[in-house]
Amino acid sequence: AGGTDNVTCVVLDLTQGPRVVGDGRLLGAVRD
């Protein structure tokens, strides 16, 4: 559609289950 700006999309599904251990993933400028 033109890409006139930075674009960021995070898609999350809410699930149920035992607790998981993990930190996560950095995206975009914060990776620097």
Full PDB file with SEQRES, HELIX, SHEET, SSBOND, CRYST1, ORIGX, SCALE, CONECT and MASTER records, all heavy atoms in Angstrom:
SEQRES   1 A   32  ALA GLY GLY THR ASP ASN VAL THR CYS VAL VAL LEU ASP          
SEQRES   2 A   32  LEU THR GLN GLY PRO ARG VAL VAL GLY ASP GLY ARG LEU          
SEQRES   3 A   32  LEU GLY ALA VAL ARG ASP                                      
HELIX    1 AA1 GLY A   28  ARG A   31  5                                   4    
CRYST1    1.000    1.000    1.000  90.00  90.00  90.00 P 1           1          
ORIGX1      1.000000  0.000000  0.000000        0.00000                         
ORIGX2      0.000000  1.000000  0.000000        0.00000                         
ORIGX3      0.000000  0.000000  1.000000        0.00000                         
SCALE1      1.000000  0.000000  0.000000        0.00000                         
SCALE2      0.000000  1.000000  0.000000        0.00000                         
SCALE3      0.000000  0.000000  1.000000        0.00000                         
ATOM      1  N   ALA A   1       0.818  -1.215   0.000  1.00  0.00           N  
ATOM      2  CA  ALA A   1       0.000   0.000   0.000  1.00  0.00           C  
ATOM      3  C   ALA A   1       0.849   1.261   0.000  1.00  0.00           C  
ATOM      4  O   ALA A   1       0.314   2.371   0.073  1.00  0.00           O  
ATOM      5  CB  ALA A   1      -0.932   0.005   1.208  1.00  0.00           C  
ATOM      6  N   GLY A   2       2.147   1.114  -0.094  1.00  0.00           N  
ATOM      7  CA  GLY A   2       3.036   2.271  -0.175  1.00  0.00           C  
ATOM      8  C   GLY A   2       4.186   2.237   0.801  1.00  0.00           C  
ATOM      9  O   GLY A   2       5.220   2.857   0.563  1.00  0.00           O  
ATOM     10  N   GLY A   3       4.035   1.559   1.927  1.00  0.00           N  
ATOM     11  CA  GLY A   3       5.121   1.447   2.900  1.00  0.00           C  
ATOM     12  C   GLY A   3       5.692   2.782   3.323  1.00  0.00           C  
ATOM     13  O   GLY A   3       6.908   2.930   3.463  1.00  0.00           O  
ATOM     14  N   THR A   4       4.816   3.756   3.562  1.00  0.00           N  
ATOM     15  CA  THR A   4       5.268   5.126   3.817  1.00  0.00           C  
ATOM     16  C   THR A   4       5.828   5.336   5.212  1.00  0.00           C  
ATOM     17  O   THR A   4       6.349   6.414   5.515  1.00  0.00           O  
ATOM     18  CB  THR A   4       4.111   6.112   3.583  1.00  0.00           C  
ATOM     19  OG1 THR A   4       2.977   5.699   4.355  1.00  0.00           O  
ATOM     20  CG2 THR A   4       3.731   6.146   2.110  1.00  0.00           C  
ATOM     21  N   ASP A   5       5.723   4.356   6.074  1.00  0.00           N  
ATOM     22  CA  ASP A   5       6.217   4.475   7.450  1.00  0.00           C  
ATOM     23  C   ASP A   5       6.795   3.136   7.869  1.00  0.00           C  
ATOM     24  O   ASP A   5       6.607   2.119   7.200  1.00  0.00           O  
ATOM     25  CB  ASP A   5       5.049   4.874   8.368  1.00  0.00           C  
ATOM     26  CG  ASP A   5       5.498   5.434   9.718  1.00  0.00           C  
ATOM     27  OD1 ASP A   5       6.717   5.473   9.981  1.00  0.00           O  
ATOM     28  OD2 ASP A   5       4.625   5.827  10.513  1.00  0.00           O  
ATOM     29  N   ASN A   6       7.528   3.152   8.997  1.00  0.00           N  
ATOM     30  CA  ASN A   6       7.911   1.880   9.599  1.00  0.00           C  
ATOM     31  C   ASN A   6       6.639   1.117   9.958  1.00  0.00           C  
ATOM     32  O   ASN A   6       5.631   1.723  10.319  1.00  0.00           O  
ATOM     33  CB  ASN A   6       8.703   2.108  10.891  1.00  0.00           C  
ATOM     34  CG  ASN A   6       9.861   3.088  10.755  1.00  0.00           C  
ATOM     35  OD1 ASN A   6      10.128   3.844  11.682  1.00  0.00           O  
ATOM     36  ND2 ASN A   6      10.549   3.095   9.618  1.00  0.00           N  
ATOM     37  N   VAL A   7       6.678  -0.198   9.856  1.00  0.00           N  
ATOM     38  CA  VAL A   7       5.488  -0.995  10.166  1.00  0.00           C  
ATOM     39  C   VAL A   7       5.890  -2.175  11.047  1.00  0.00           C  
ATOM     40  O   VAL A   7       6.870  -2.877  10.759  1.00  0.00           O  
ATOM     41  CB  VAL A   7       4.772  -1.480   8.886  1.00  0.00           C  
ATOM     42  CG1 VAL A   7       5.721  -2.239   7.972  1.00  0.00           C  
ATOM     43  CG2 VAL A   7       3.571  -2.329   9.233  1.00  0.00           C  
ATOM     44  N   THR A   8       5.145  -2.354  12.128  1.00  0.00           N  
ATOM     45  CA  THR A   8       5.404  -3.438  13.064  1.00  0.00           C  
ATOM     46  C   THR A   8       4.097  -4.108  13.441  1.00  0.00           C  
ATOM     47  O   THR A   8       3.121  -3.430  13.784  1.00  0.00           O  
ATOM     48  CB  THR A   8       6.102  -2.922  14.342  1.00  0.00           C  
ATOM     49  OG1 THR A   8       7.344  -2.317  13.979  1.00  0.00           O  
ATOM     50  CG2 THR A   8       6.359  -4.052  15.323  1.00  0.00           C  
ATOM     51  N   CYS A   9       4.071  -5.433  13.370  1.00  0.00           N  
ATOM     52  CA  CYS A   9       2.881  -6.211  13.692  1.00  0.00           C  
ATOM     53  C   CYS A   9       3.264  -7.354  14.628  1.00  0.00           C  
ATOM     54  O   CYS A   9       4.178  -8.125  14.320  1.00  0.00           O  
ATOM     55  CB  CYS A   9       2.249  -6.797  12.434  1.00  0.00           C  
ATOM     56  SG  CYS A   9       1.790  -5.582  11.189  1.00  0.00           S  
ATOM     57  N   VAL A  10       2.591  -7.461  15.752  1.00  0.00           N  
ATOM     58  CA  VAL A  10       2.776  -8.556  16.698  1.00  0.00           C  
ATOM     59  C   VAL A  10       1.442  -9.277  16.825  1.00  0.00           C  
ATOM     60  O   VAL A  10       0.430  -8.655  17.174  1.00  0.00           O  
ATOM     61  CB  VAL A  10       3.245  -8.037  18.067  1.00  0.00           C  
ATOM     62  CG1 VAL A  10       3.203  -9.155  19.103  1.00  0.00           C  
ATOM     63  CG2 VAL A  10       4.647  -7.441  17.965  1.00  0.00           C  
ATOM     64  N   VAL A  11       1.429 -10.566  16.537  1.00  0.00           N  
ATOM     65  CA  VAL A  11       0.200 -11.366  16.578  1.00  0.00           C  
ATOM     66  C   VAL A  11       0.342 -12.394  17.692  1.00  0.00           C  
ATOM     67  O   VAL A  11       1.315 -13.157  17.734  1.00  0.00           O  
ATOM     68  CB  VAL A  11      -0.051 -12.061  15.222  1.00  0.00           C  
ATOM     69  CG1 VAL A  11      -1.297 -12.939  15.294  1.00  0.00           C  
ATOM     70  CG2 VAL A  11      -0.196 -11.017  14.113  1.00  0.00           C  
ATOM     71  N   LEU A  12      -0.643 -12.415  18.587  1.00  0.00           N  
ATOM     72  CA  LEU A  12      -0.583 -13.258  19.775  1.00  0.00           C  
ATOM     73  C   LEU A  12      -1.844 -14.099  19.896  1.00  0.00           C  
ATOM     74  O   LEU A  12      -2.956 -13.581  19.756  1.00  0.00           O  
ATOM     75  CB  LEU A  12      -0.481 -12.388  21.035  1.00  0.00           C  
ATOM     76  CG  LEU A  12       0.634 -11.350  21.085  1.00  0.00           C  
ATOM     77  CD1 LEU A  12       0.370 -10.383  22.226  1.00  0.00           C  
ATOM     78  CD2 LEU A  12       1.993 -12.018  21.234  1.00  0.00           C  
ATOM     79  N   ASP A  13      -1.683 -15.366  20.189  1.00  0.00           N  
ATOM     80  CA  ASP A  13      -2.800 -16.228  20.542  1.00  0.00           C  
ATOM     81  C   ASP A  13      -2.777 -16.449  22.050  1.00  0.00           C  
ATOM     82  O   ASP A  13      -1.713 -16.734  22.629  1.00  0.00           O  
ATOM     83  CB  ASP A  13      -2.696 -17.579  19.829  1.00  0.00           C  
ATOM     84  CG  ASP A  13      -2.948 -17.451  18.335  1.00  0.00           C  
ATOM     85  OD1 ASP A  13      -3.735 -16.571  17.938  1.00  0.00           O  
ATOM     86  OD2 ASP A  13      -2.353 -18.237  17.569  1.00  0.00           O  
ATOM     87  N   LEU A  14      -3.932 -16.305  22.695  1.00  0.00           N  
ATOM     88  CA  LEU A  14      -4.021 -16.569  24.120  1.00  0.00           C  
ATOM     89  C   LEU A  14      -4.275 -18.057  24.312  1.00  0.00           C  
ATOM     90  O   LEU A  14      -5.259 -18.602  23.816  1.00  0.00           O  
ATOM     91  CB  LEU A  14      -5.142 -15.745  24.745  1.00  0.00           C  
ATOM     92  CG  LEU A  14      -5.199 -15.770  26.276  1.00  0.00           C  
ATOM     93  CD1 LEU A  14      -3.950 -15.133  26.866  1.00  0.00           C  
ATOM     94  CD2 LEU A  14      -6.452 -15.060  26.783  1.00  0.00           C  
ATOM     95  N   THR A  15      -3.362 -18.703  25.023  1.00  0.00           N  
ATOM     96  CA  THR A  15      -3.448 -20.142  25.229  1.00  0.00           C  
ATOM     97  C   THR A  15      -3.467 -20.452  26.720  1.00  0.00           C  
ATOM     98  O   THR A  15      -3.204 -19.584  27.560  1.00  0.00           O  
ATOM     99  CB  THR A  15      -2.270 -20.874  24.573  1.00  0.00           C  
ATOM    100  OG1 THR A  15      -1.043 -20.485  25.218  1.00  0.00           O  
ATOM    101  CG2 THR A  15      -2.167 -20.523  23.094  1.00  0.00           C  
ATOM    102  N   GLN A  16      -3.754 -21.716  27.046  1.00  0.00           N  
ATOM    103  CA  GLN A  16      -3.792 -22.149  28.434  1.00  0.00           C  
ATOM    104  C   GLN A  16      -2.963 -23.404  28.583  1.00  0.00           C  
ATOM    105  O   GLN A  16      -3.037 -24.315  27.757  1.00  0.00           O  
ATOM    106  CB  GLN A  16      -5.232 -22.407  28.875  1.00  0.00           C  
ATOM    107  CG  GLN A  16      -5.400 -22.538  30.375  1.00  0.00           C  
ATOM    108  CD  GLN A  16      -6.852 -22.377  30.781  1.00  0.00           C  
ATOM    109  OE1 GLN A  16      -7.763 -22.738  30.044  1.00  0.00           O  
ATOM    110  NE2 GLN A  16      -7.091 -21.829  31.962  1.00  0.00           N  
ATOM    111  N   GLY A  17      -2.152 -23.454  29.637  1.00  0.00           N  
ATOM    112  CA  GLY A  17      -1.307 -24.607  29.859  1.00  0.00           C  
ATOM    113  C   GLY A  17      -0.342 -24.339  30.984  1.00  0.00           C  
ATOM    114  O   GLY A  17      -0.442 -23.320  31.684  1.00  0.00           O  
ATOM    115  N   PRO A  18       0.631 -25.212  31.193  1.00  0.00           N  
ATOM    116  CA  PRO A  18       1.604 -25.007  32.271  1.00  0.00           C  
ATOM    117  C   PRO A  18       2.491 -23.799  31.986  1.00  0.00           C  
ATOM    118  O   PRO A  18       2.658 -23.389  30.838  1.00  0.00           O  
ATOM    119  CB  PRO A  18       2.419 -26.305  32.252  1.00  0.00           C  
ATOM    120  CG  PRO A  18       2.253 -26.833  30.868  1.00  0.00           C  
ATOM    121  CD  PRO A  18       0.878 -26.452  30.448  1.00  0.00           C  
ATOM    122  N   ARG A  19       3.053 -23.246  33.035  1.00  0.00           N  
ATOM    123  CA  ARG A  19       3.946 -22.098  32.885  1.00  0.00           C  
ATOM    124  C   ARG A  19       5.160 -22.488  32.049  1.00  0.00           C  
ATOM    125  O   ARG A  19       5.711 -23.583  32.207  1.00  0.00           O  
ATOM    126  CB  ARG A  19       4.410 -21.588  34.250  1.00  0.00           C  
ATOM    127  CG  ARG A  19       5.345 -20.384  34.150  1.00  0.00           C  
ATOM    128  CD  ARG A  19       5.788 -19.885  35.510  1.00  0.00           C  
ATOM    129  NE  ARG A  19       6.755 -18.813  35.376  1.00  0.00           N  
ATOM    130  CZ  ARG A  19       7.338 -18.188  36.395  1.00  0.00           C  
ATOM    131  NH1 ARG A  19       7.041 -18.565  37.640  1.00  0.00           N  
ATOM    132  NH2 ARG A  19       8.205 -17.221  36.191  1.00  0.00           N  
ATOM    133  N   VAL A  20       5.569 -21.590  31.162  1.00  0.00           N  
ATOM    134  CA  VAL A  20       6.762 -21.818  30.356  1.00  0.00           C  
ATOM    135  C   VAL A  20       7.852 -20.865  30.791  1.00  0.00           C  
ATOM    136  O   VAL A  20       7.583 -19.789  31.335  1.00  0.00           O  
ATOM    137  CB  VAL A  20       6.465 -21.639  28.850  1.00  0.00           C  
ATOM    138  CG1 VAL A  20       5.424 -22.638  28.392  1.00  0.00           C  
ATOM    139  CG2 VAL A  20       6.025 -20.219  28.547  1.00  0.00           C  
ATOM    140  N   VAL A  21       9.083 -21.262  30.571  1.00  0.00           N  
ATOM    141  CA  VAL A  21      10.234 -20.434  30.889  1.00  0.00           C  
ATOM    142  C   VAL A  21      10.808 -19.915  29.581  1.00  0.00           C  
ATOM    143  O   VAL A  21      11.059 -20.688  28.651  1.00  0.00           O  
ATOM    144  CB  VAL A  21      11.312 -21.227  31.660  1.00  0.00           C  
ATOM    145  CG1 VAL A  21      12.524 -20.350  31.916  1.00  0.00           C  
ATOM    146  CG2 VAL A  21      10.738 -21.754  32.963  1.00  0.00           C  
ATOM    147  N   GLY A  22      11.004 -18.622  29.494  1.00  0.00           N  
ATOM    148  CA  GLY A  22      11.569 -18.040  28.279  1.00  0.00           C  
ATOM    149  C   GLY A  22      11.471 -16.542  28.342  1.00  0.00           C  
ATOM    150  O   GLY A  22      10.594 -15.996  29.011  1.00  0.00           O  
ATOM    151  N   ASP A  23      12.399 -15.875  27.680  1.00  0.00           N  
ATOM    152  CA  ASP A  23      12.399 -14.427  27.747  1.00  0.00           C  
ATOM    153  C   ASP A  23      11.562 -13.803  26.637  1.00  0.00           C  
ATOM    154  O   ASP A  23      10.641 -13.051  26.878  1.00  0.00           O  
ATOM    155  CB  ASP A  23      13.825 -13.872  27.749  1.00  0.00           C  
ATOM    156  CG  ASP A  23      14.703 -14.479  26.666  1.00  0.00           C  
ATOM    157  OD1 ASP A  23      14.172 -15.223  25.812  1.00  0.00           O  
ATOM    158  OD2 ASP A  23      15.916 -14.211  26.664  1.00  0.00           O  
ATOM    159  N   GLY A  24      11.845 -14.117  25.385  1.00  0.00           N  
ATOM    160  CA  GLY A  24      11.103 -13.520  24.282  1.00  0.00           C  
ATOM    161  C   GLY A  24      12.021 -13.029  23.191  1.00  0.00           C  
ATOM    162  O   GLY A  24      13.228 -13.286  23.200  1.00  0.00           O  
ATOM    163  N   ARG A  25      11.443 -12.281  22.256  1.00  0.00           N  
ATOM    164  CA  ARG A  25      12.189 -11.832  21.089  1.00  0.00           C  
ATOM    165  C   ARG A  25      12.052 -10.328  20.914  1.00  0.00           C  
ATOM    166  O   ARG A  25      10.948  -9.773  20.995  1.00  0.00           O  
ATOM    167  CB  ARG A  25      11.671 -12.543  19.835  1.00  0.00           C  
ATOM    168  CG  ARG A  25      12.469 -12.203  18.582  1.00  0.00           C  
ATOM    169  CD  ARG A  25      11.905 -12.876  17.357  1.00  0.00           C  
ATOM    170  NE  ARG A  25      12.671 -12.515  16.176  1.00  0.00           N  
ATOM    171  CZ  ARG A  25      12.248 -12.687  14.932  1.00  0.00           C  
ATOM    172  NH1 ARG A  25      11.053 -13.224  14.711  1.00  0.00           N  
ATOM    173  NH2 ARG A  25      12.998 -12.337  13.907  1.00  0.00           N  
ATOM    174  N   LEU A  26      13.181  -9.680  20.672  1.00  0.00           N  
ATOM    175  CA  LEU A  26      13.217  -8.251  20.394  1.00  0.00           C  
ATOM    176  C   LEU A  26      13.082  -8.018  18.896  1.00  0.00           C  
ATOM    177  O   LEU A  26      13.662  -8.757  18.096  1.00  0.00           O  
ATOM    178  CB  LEU A  26      14.538  -7.645  20.880  1.00  0.00           C  
ATOM    179  CG  LEU A  26      14.832  -7.764  22.378  1.00  0.00           C  
ATOM    180  CD1 LEU A  26      16.280  -7.404  22.659  1.00  0.00           C  
ATOM    181  CD2 LEU A  26      13.908  -6.875  23.186  1.00  0.00           C  
ATOM    182  N   LEU A  27      12.355  -6.970  18.509  1.00  0.00           N  
ATOM    183  CA  LEU A  27      12.141  -6.642  17.102  1.00  0.00           C  
ATOM    184  C   LEU A  27      12.374  -5.154  16.863  1.00  0.00           C  
ATOM    185  O   LEU A  27      12.114  -4.324  17.738  1.00  0.00           O  
ATOM    186  CB  LEU A  27      10.702  -6.985  16.685  1.00  0.00           C  
ATOM    187  CG  LEU A  27      10.236  -8.430  16.840  1.00  0.00           C  
ATOM    188  CD1 LEU A  27       8.735  -8.511  16.629  1.00  0.00           C  
ATOM    189  CD2 LEU A  27      10.960  -9.329  15.851  1.00  0.00           C  
ATOM    190  N   GLY A  28      12.827  -4.829  15.673  1.00  0.00           N  
ATOM    191  CA  GLY A  28      12.957  -3.431  15.285  1.00  0.00           C  
ATOM    192  C   GLY A  28      14.178  -2.760  15.883  1.00  0.00           C  
ATOM    193  O   GLY A  28      15.225  -3.382  16.079  1.00  0.00           O  
ATOM    194  N   ALA A  29      14.043  -1.476  16.205  1.00  0.00           N  
ATOM    195  CA  ALA A  29      15.176  -0.678  16.658  1.00  0.00           C  
ATOM    196  C   ALA A  29      15.818  -1.233  17.926  1.00  0.00           C  
ATOM    197  O   ALA A  29      17.040  -1.126  18.114  1.00  0.00           O  
ATOM    198  CB  ALA A  29      14.732   0.765  16.892  1.00  0.00           C  
ATOM    199  N   VAL A  30      15.032  -1.849  18.802  1.00  0.00           N  
ATOM    200  CA  VAL A  30      15.562  -2.327  20.073  1.00  0.00           C  
ATOM    201  C   VAL A  30      16.553  -3.474  19.898  1.00  0.00           C  
ATOM    202  O   VAL A  30      17.305  -3.802  20.832  1.00  0.00           O  
ATOM    203  CB  VAL A  30      14.404  -2.745  21.006  1.00  0.00           C  
ATOM    204  CG1 VAL A  30      13.714  -3.999  20.497  1.00  0.00           C  
ATOM    205  CG2 VAL A  30      14.878  -2.922  22.438  1.00  0.00           C  
ATOM    206  N   ARG A  31      16.613  -4.074  18.725  1.00  0.00           N  
ATOM    207  CA  ARG A  31      17.618  -5.114  18.488  1.00  0.00           C  
ATOM    208  C   ARG A  31      19.031  -4.531  18.498  1.00  0.00           C  
ATOM    209  O   ARG A  31      20.004  -5.260  18.706  1.00  0.00           O  
ATOM    210  CB  ARG A  31      17.348  -5.808  17.156  1.00  0.00           C  
ATOM    211  CG  ARG A  31      16.050  -6.604  17.142  1.00  0.00           C  
ATOM    212  CD  ARG A  31      15.881  -7.358  15.847  1.00  0.00           C  
ATOM    213  NE  ARG A  31      16.897  -8.398  15.704  1.00  0.00           N  
ATOM    214  CZ  ARG A  31      17.063  -9.128  14.615  1.00  0.00           C  
ATOM    215  NH1 ARG A  31      16.279  -8.929  13.558  1.00  0.00           N  
ATOM    216  NH2 ARG A  31      17.988 -10.061  14.555  1.00  0.00           N  
ATOM    217  N   ASP A  32      19.152  -3.230  18.278  1.00  0.00           N  
ATOM    218  CA  ASP A  32      20.436  -2.539  18.400  1.00  0.00           C  
ATOM    219  C   ASP A  32      20.526  -2.017  19.827  1.00  0.00           C  
ATOM    220  O   ASP A  32      20.023  -0.938  20.143  1.00  0.00           O  
ATOM    221  CB  ASP A  32      20.512  -1.388  17.390  1.00  0.00           C  
ATOM    222  CG  ASP A  32      21.846  -0.654  17.447  1.00  0.00           C  
ATOM    223  OD1 ASP A  32      22.666  -0.962  18.329  1.00  0.00           O  
ATOM    224  OD2 ASP A  32      22.040   0.255  16.616  1.00  0.00           O  
TER     225      ASP A  32                                                      
MASTER        0    0    0    1    0    0    0    6  224    1    0    3          
END                                                                             
